[in-house]
Amino acid sequence: MRIGLDVMGGDFAPDAIIEGAVDSLQHLSVNERLVLIGNRDSIIRKLNEMEIDPSLFEIVHTTQVIEMGDHPAKAFSQKKDSSIAVGYGMLNSGDLDGFCSAGNTGAMLVGVSYTVNVIPGVLRPALATLLPCVDNRDSVILDLGLSPDCKPEVLVQYGILGSIYAKYVLGKENPTVGLLNIGEEESKGTPAVKAAYELMKEHPGINFAGNIEGNALFREKMTDVIVCDGFVGNVVLKLGEAFYEIYKGRNLKDSYFERLDWENIGGTPIIGINANVVIGHGIAKRKAIMNMVLQTRGVVHANLAQKIKEAI
């Protein structure tokens, strides 16, 4: 397995990215190779400072950087020797099994349409992440912001995509699917959500548990998969981050709330595309980068893209 890591992407690149890459080595097997994509001089300098043998990695030199403030489409098309563009090129040609970056999110999304593309039959790809439950299990929620306004058919397909993720990445044999709503009653919600409810309850490929309210999230009655549009999903994601920051700021000690730390997750995979891609947080540092790499490895091991192709 070969995992590509964008060394130049993120607010604290390249140093924090390289530090996280070094930390991930202890978790990778001899058959798992980490490919550092970025400026070779910067990579070698940092590895020497850390007294790490550069031969532990494969290094692919690039001369350009897509900055966080760059226009995504313009930068991706004009900066062909950037770490993001080169990473996607290697992924598309089969030289990488997975690619991850904490760089410009827009450019990472544009890279999909320029190279690996969406799986035929997928209406809209989604960003997904894990929500920790108080009973020590994890659930997957999607979408987190890729599609802020979804048609009913897209929400139904998110139920399928989320179920595949829960089965093959989380190991849940017949995952339950909940539709995030303002009430459990079938009549509640926007027209799109109500229409999605009708479609989901009849779909043979979805173990539909009905509507799920916000006060069920993180608790025992949370379903294995939570479906919502990207607007709602992004609010939930940021709310979870806020709870953790408040908890940490008050110097509280609780093993559950530590699981809300976004650095433990590392990034969000793009679900529904022809490759394994994980996007990290722009402010990611050492710990988050390590977990982004390990999450990418998990998605590759699950053969998620192929499983979705077969299902769709």
Protein backbone atom coordinates (compact mmCIF):
# COMPACT_ATOMS: atom_id res chain seq x y z
CA MET A 1 0.00 0.00 0.00
CA ARG A 2 1.22 3.48 -0.92
CA ILE A 3 -0.29 6.50 0.84
CA GLY A 4 0.43 9.97 -0.51
CA LEU A 5 0.69 12.87 1.95
CA ASP A 6 0.61 16.51 0.85
CA VAL A 7 3.48 18.02 2.83
CA MET A 8 2.85 21.60 1.70
CA GLY A 9 -0.85 21.85 2.62
CA GLY A 10 -2.10 23.36 5.88
CA ASP A 11 -1.49 26.36 8.11
CA PHE A 12 1.50 24.71 9.78
CA ALA A 13 3.07 23.07 6.74
CA PRO A 14 5.57 21.70 6.09
CA ASP A 15 6.99 21.09 9.59
CA ALA A 16 3.83 19.88 11.34
CA ILE A 17 2.98 17.65 8.38
CA ILE A 18 6.38 15.99 8.45
CA GLU A 19 6.19 15.54 12.22
CA GLY A 20 2.84 13.78 11.86
CA ALA A 21 4.24 11.63 9.05
CA VAL A 22 7.12 10.53 11.27
CA ASP A 23 4.73 9.66 14.11
CA SER A 24 2.59 7.55 11.76
CA LEU A 25 5.53 5.29 10.91
CA GLN A 26 5.21 3.36 14.15
CA HIS A 27 1.67 2.35 13.14
CA LEU A 28 2.41 1.35 9.53
CA SER A 29 3.44 -2.15 8.51
CA VAL A 30 6.39 -3.01 6.27
CA ASN A 31 3.99 -3.26 3.33
CA GLU A 32 2.63 0.24 3.87
CA ARG A 33 4.72 3.02 2.36
CA LEU A 34 4.20 6.72 3.04
CA VAL A 35 4.94 9.01 0.10
CA LEU A 36 5.78 12.61 1.03
CA ILE A 37 4.80 15.04 -1.75
CA GLY A 38 6.30 18.51 -1.57
CA ASN A 39 9.52 20.51 -1.65
CA ARG A 40 12.38 18.03 -1.24
CA ASP A 41 14.75 20.51 0.45
CA SER A 42 12.15 21.38 3.09
CA ILE A 43 11.39 17.71 3.71
CA ILE A 44 15.04 16.69 4.04
CA ARG A 45 15.82 19.67 6.29
CA LYS A 46 13.04 18.78 8.72
CA LEU A 47 13.84 15.06 8.74
CA ASN A 48 17.49 15.85 9.48
CA GLU A 49 16.43 18.12 12.34
CA MET A 50 14.40 15.23 13.74
CA GLU A 51 17.27 12.81 13.11
CA ILE A 52 15.03 10.64 10.94
CA ASP A 53 16.40 8.65 8.00
CA PRO A 54 14.78 10.04 4.81
CA SER A 55 14.89 6.56 3.25
CA LEU A 56 11.99 5.60 5.54
CA PHE A 57 9.81 7.59 3.15
CA GLU A 58 9.48 8.00 -0.57
CA ILE A 59 9.84 11.68 -1.46
CA VAL A 60 8.25 13.21 -4.56
CA HIS A 61 9.58 16.70 -5.24
CA THR A 62 7.20 19.50 -6.24
CA THR A 63 7.95 23.16 -6.94
CA GLN A 64 4.57 24.85 -6.39
CA VAL A 65 2.11 25.27 -3.54
CA ILE A 66 -1.63 25.86 -3.66
CA GLU A 67 -2.08 28.37 -0.86
CA MET A 68 -5.09 28.38 1.45
CA GLY A 69 -6.33 31.63 -0.07
CA ASP A 70 -5.93 30.60 -3.72
CA HIS A 71 -8.94 30.21 -6.00
CA PRO A 72 -9.39 26.41 -6.04
CA ALA A 73 -10.11 25.73 -9.72
CA LYS A 74 -7.70 28.33 -11.04
CA ALA A 75 -4.89 27.20 -8.75
CA PHE A 76 -5.35 23.52 -9.52
CA SER A 77 -5.28 24.10 -13.28
CA GLN A 78 -2.39 26.60 -13.25
CA LYS A 79 -0.17 25.07 -10.56
CA LYS A 80 0.33 21.69 -12.16
CA ASP A 81 3.48 20.99 -10.12
CA SER A 82 1.80 21.70 -6.79
CA SER A 83 1.69 19.00 -4.13
CA ILE A 84 -2.09 18.65 -4.46
CA ALA A 85 -2.09 18.41 -8.26
CA VAL A 86 0.83 15.95 -8.30
CA GLY A 87 -0.79 13.87 -5.56
CA TYR A 88 -4.03 13.58 -7.51
CA GLY A 89 -2.08 12.74 -10.66
CA MET A 90 -0.31 9.89 -8.88
CA LEU A 91 -3.61 8.69 -7.44
CA ASN A 92 -5.27 8.75 -10.85
CA SER A 93 -2.42 6.82 -12.48
CA GLY A 94 -2.43 4.13 -9.81
CA ASP A 95 0.90 5.15 -8.24
CA LEU A 96 -0.92 5.80 -4.95
CA ASP A 97 -3.62 3.81 -3.18
CA GLY A 98 -4.73 6.77 -1.13
CA PHE A 99 -4.05 10.50 -0.85
CA CYS A 100 -4.55 12.92 2.04
CA SER A 101 -4.04 16.64 2.58
CA ALA A 102 -4.77 19.36 5.11
CA GLY A 103 -4.40 21.96 2.36
CA ASN A 104 -6.88 24.04 0.38
CA THR A 105 -10.20 22.16 0.71
CA GLY A 106 -11.63 23.70 -2.43
CA ALA A 107 -8.63 22.57 -4.46
CA MET A 108 -8.93 19.07 -3.01
CA LEU A 109 -12.54 18.93 -4.16
CA VAL A 110 -11.72 20.39 -7.57
CA GLY A 111 -9.01 17.75 -7.91
CA VAL A 112 -11.67 15.05 -7.84
CA SER A 113 -13.44 16.38 -10.93
CA TYR A 114 -10.14 17.03 -12.74
CA THR A 115 -8.75 13.54 -12.16
CA VAL A 116 -10.40 10.57 -10.41
CA ASN A 117 -14.04 11.69 -10.86
CA VAL A 118 -17.23 10.65 -9.11
CA ILE A 119 -18.30 7.00 -9.27
CA PRO A 120 -20.89 6.58 -12.07
CA GLY A 121 -24.34 6.50 -10.50
CA VAL A 122 -23.40 8.59 -7.46
CA LEU A 123 -25.54 11.71 -7.51
CA ARG A 124 -23.38 13.74 -5.13
CA PRO A 125 -20.23 12.72 -3.25
CA ALA A 126 -20.20 13.45 0.46
CA LEU A 127 -17.84 14.28 3.29
CA ALA A 128 -18.18 11.94 6.25
CA THR A 129 -16.83 11.75 9.78
CA LEU A 130 -17.30 9.77 12.97
CA LEU A 131 -19.43 10.76 15.94
CA PRO A 132 -18.45 9.05 19.21
CA CYS A 133 -21.26 7.58 21.29
CA VAL A 134 -21.30 7.36 25.09
CA ASP A 135 -21.59 3.55 24.80
CA ASN A 136 -18.09 3.40 23.23
CA ARG A 137 -19.17 2.85 19.63
CA ASP A 138 -18.79 5.22 16.68
CA SER A 139 -21.36 6.33 14.13
CA VAL A 140 -20.79 7.94 10.75
CA ILE A 141 -22.49 11.20 9.76
CA LEU A 142 -22.75 12.60 6.23
CA ASP A 143 -22.74 15.10 4.54
CA LEU A 144 -20.55 17.62 6.35
CA GLY A 145 -20.68 20.51 3.91
CA LEU A 146 -20.06 19.32 0.38
CA SER A 147 -23.75 19.65 -0.57
CA PRO A 148 -25.51 22.22 1.65
CA ASP A 149 -28.89 21.69 -0.04
CA CYS A 150 -29.85 18.14 -1.06
CA LYS A 151 -32.70 16.63 -3.03
CA PRO A 152 -34.49 13.65 -1.46
CA GLU A 153 -32.77 11.19 -3.83
CA VAL A 154 -29.36 12.45 -2.70
CA LEU A 155 -30.25 11.98 0.98
CA VAL A 156 -31.39 8.43 0.23
CA GLN A 157 -28.11 7.69 -1.51
CA TYR A 158 -26.23 9.12 1.46
CA GLY A 159 -27.97 6.43 3.49
CA ILE A 160 -26.49 3.81 1.15
CA LEU A 161 -23.01 5.38 1.11
CA GLY A 162 -23.01 5.73 4.89
CA SER A 163 -24.12 2.12 5.32
CA ILE A 164 -21.24 0.92 3.15
CA TYR A 165 -18.79 2.99 5.19
CA ALA A 166 -20.22 1.72 8.48
CA LYS A 167 -20.06 -1.89 7.31
CA TYR A 168 -16.59 -2.00 5.83
CA VAL A 169 -14.73 0.64 7.87
CA LEU A 170 -16.52 0.36 11.24
CA GLY A 171 -17.33 -3.34 10.96
CA LYS A 172 -21.11 -3.03 11.47
CA GLU A 173 -22.81 -5.89 9.65
CA ASN A 174 -26.28 -4.36 9.24
CA PRO A 175 -25.93 -0.69 10.23
CA THR A 176 -28.99 1.27 11.23
CA VAL A 177 -29.67 4.52 9.38
CA GLY A 178 -31.32 7.59 10.87
CA LEU A 179 -32.48 10.73 9.07
CA LEU A 180 -31.55 13.80 11.12
CA ASN A 181 -34.69 15.85 11.67
CA ILE A 182 -36.50 18.21 14.05
CA GLY A 183 -38.73 15.41 15.32
CA GLU A 184 -39.14 11.65 15.20
CA GLU A 185 -42.57 11.85 13.57
CA GLU A 186 -42.79 11.00 9.89
CA SER A 187 -44.59 14.27 9.17
CA LYS A 188 -41.78 16.49 10.50
CA GLY A 189 -39.11 18.33 8.52
CA THR A 190 -38.59 20.18 5.25
CA PRO A 191 -40.24 18.91 2.05
CA ALA A 192 -36.95 17.31 0.98
CA VAL A 193 -36.48 15.51 4.30
CA LYS A 194 -40.09 14.30 4.38
CA ALA A 195 -39.79 12.98 0.83
CA ALA A 196 -36.48 11.30 1.70
CA TYR A 197 -38.18 9.58 4.66
CA GLU A 198 -40.77 8.00 2.34
CA LEU A 199 -38.07 6.76 -0.02
CA MET A 200 -35.75 5.47 2.67
CA LYS A 201 -38.35 3.42 4.52
CA GLU A 202 -39.07 1.51 1.31
CA HIS A 203 -35.46 1.05 0.21
CA PRO A 204 -34.26 -2.57 0.53
CA GLY A 205 -30.62 -1.55 0.85
CA ILE A 206 -31.14 0.65 3.92
CA ASN A 207 -31.81 -0.55 7.45
CA PHE A 208 -33.90 2.53 8.14
CA ALA A 209 -34.62 3.42 11.77
CA GLY A 210 -36.63 6.55 11.02
CA ASN A 211 -35.99 10.13 12.01
CA ILE A 212 -33.41 10.94 14.65
CA GLU A 213 -33.41 14.20 16.61
CA GLY A 214 -30.40 16.24 17.62
CA ASN A 215 -30.74 15.21 21.27
CA ALA A 216 -30.13 11.59 20.29
CA LEU A 217 -26.70 12.34 18.83
CA PHE A 218 -23.73 11.11 20.88
CA ARG A 219 -26.14 9.03 23.05
CA GLU A 220 -27.15 5.35 23.19
CA LYS A 221 -30.06 5.74 20.76
CA MET A 222 -27.85 7.24 18.04
CA THR A 223 -28.06 5.19 14.84
CA ASP A 224 -24.95 3.77 13.16
CA VAL A 225 -25.41 6.15 10.22
CA ILE A 226 -26.80 9.70 10.44
CA VAL A 227 -27.95 11.27 7.18
CA CYS A 228 -28.35 15.02 6.65
CA ASP A 229 -27.56 17.71 4.11
CA GLY A 230 -24.21 19.46 4.25
CA PHE A 231 -25.60 22.58 5.90
CA VAL A 232 -26.92 20.70 8.92
CA GLY A 233 -23.97 18.31 9.02
CA ASN A 234 -21.43 21.12 9.15
CA VAL A 235 -23.31 22.74 12.04
CA VAL A 236 -23.23 19.43 13.95
CA LEU A 237 -19.51 19.03 13.25
CA LYS A 238 -18.63 22.52 14.49
CA LEU A 239 -20.89 22.11 17.53
CA GLY A 240 -18.99 18.99 18.53
CA GLU A 241 -15.71 20.88 18.17
CA ALA A 242 -17.08 23.67 20.36
CA PHE A 243 -18.08 21.24 23.12
CA TYR A 244 -14.58 19.82 23.17
CA GLU A 245 -12.96 23.25 23.30
CA ILE A 246 -15.17 24.25 26.24
CA TYR A 247 -14.38 21.00 28.03
CA LYS A 248 -10.65 21.39 27.45
CA GLY A 249 -10.70 25.05 28.46
CA ARG A 250 -12.16 24.14 31.86
CA ASN A 251 -9.46 21.49 32.47
CA LEU A 252 -12.03 18.73 32.87
CA LYS A 253 -11.07 15.06 32.77
CA ASP A 254 -13.39 12.60 31.07
CA SER A 255 -12.51 9.80 28.66
CA TYR A 256 -15.66 10.29 26.59
CA PHE A 257 -15.11 13.96 25.87
CA GLU A 258 -11.55 13.21 24.81
CA ARG A 259 -13.12 11.26 21.92
CA LEU A 260 -14.66 14.52 20.69
CA ASP A 261 -11.17 15.82 19.97
CA TRP A 262 -11.13 16.23 16.17
CA GLU A 263 -7.39 15.59 16.16
CA ASN A 264 -8.10 11.95 17.07
CA ILE A 265 -10.05 11.53 13.83
CA GLY A 266 -7.65 13.44 11.60
CA GLY A 267 -9.78 14.11 8.55
CA THR A 268 -12.90 13.45 6.52
CA PRO A 269 -12.94 11.02 3.59
CA ILE A 270 -14.70 11.99 0.37
CA ILE A 271 -17.30 9.27 -0.13
CA GLY A 272 -18.53 8.36 -3.62
CA ILE A 273 -15.45 8.99 -5.78
CA ASN A 274 -13.22 6.61 -7.73
CA ALA A 275 -10.32 6.82 -5.27
CA ASN A 276 -9.43 7.03 -1.58
CA VAL A 277 -9.07 10.66 -0.54
CA VAL A 278 -9.10 12.15 2.96
CA ILE A 279 -9.23 15.90 3.68
CA GLY A 280 -7.73 17.20 6.92
CA HIS A 281 -8.39 20.38 8.91
CA GLY A 282 -6.33 23.37 7.79
CA ILE A 283 -5.13 23.99 11.36
CA ALA A 284 -4.00 20.38 11.77
CA LYS A 285 -0.78 19.80 13.66
CA ARG A 286 1.32 16.75 14.45
CA LYS A 287 -1.29 14.52 16.11
CA ALA A 288 -4.05 15.28 13.60
CA ILE A 289 -1.75 14.66 10.64
CA MET A 290 -0.75 11.25 12.02
CA ASN A 291 -4.40 10.28 12.42
CA MET A 292 -5.25 11.60 8.95
CA VAL A 293 -2.64 9.24 7.50
CA LEU A 294 -3.97 6.33 9.55
CA GLN A 295 -7.55 7.09 8.57
CA THR A 296 -6.49 7.08 4.92
CA ARG A 297 -4.92 3.68 5.49
CA GLY A 298 -8.21 2.44 6.97
CA VAL A 299 -10.21 3.63 3.97
CA VAL A 300 -7.76 1.93 1.61
CA HIS A 301 -7.87 -1.31 3.61
CA ALA A 302 -11.67 -1.27 3.44
CA ASN A 303 -11.49 -0.93 -0.37
CA LEU A 304 -14.28 1.60 0.08
CA ALA A 305 -14.38 2.99 -3.45
CA GLN A 306 -14.75 -0.49 -4.97
CA LYS A 307 -17.44 -1.47 -2.45
CA ILE A 308 -19.42 1.66 -3.39
CA LYS A 309 -19.05 0.91 -7.11
CA GLU A 310 -20.47 -2.55 -6.56
CA ALA A 311 -23.35 -1.24 -4.49
CA ILE A 312 -24.28 1.62 -6.79
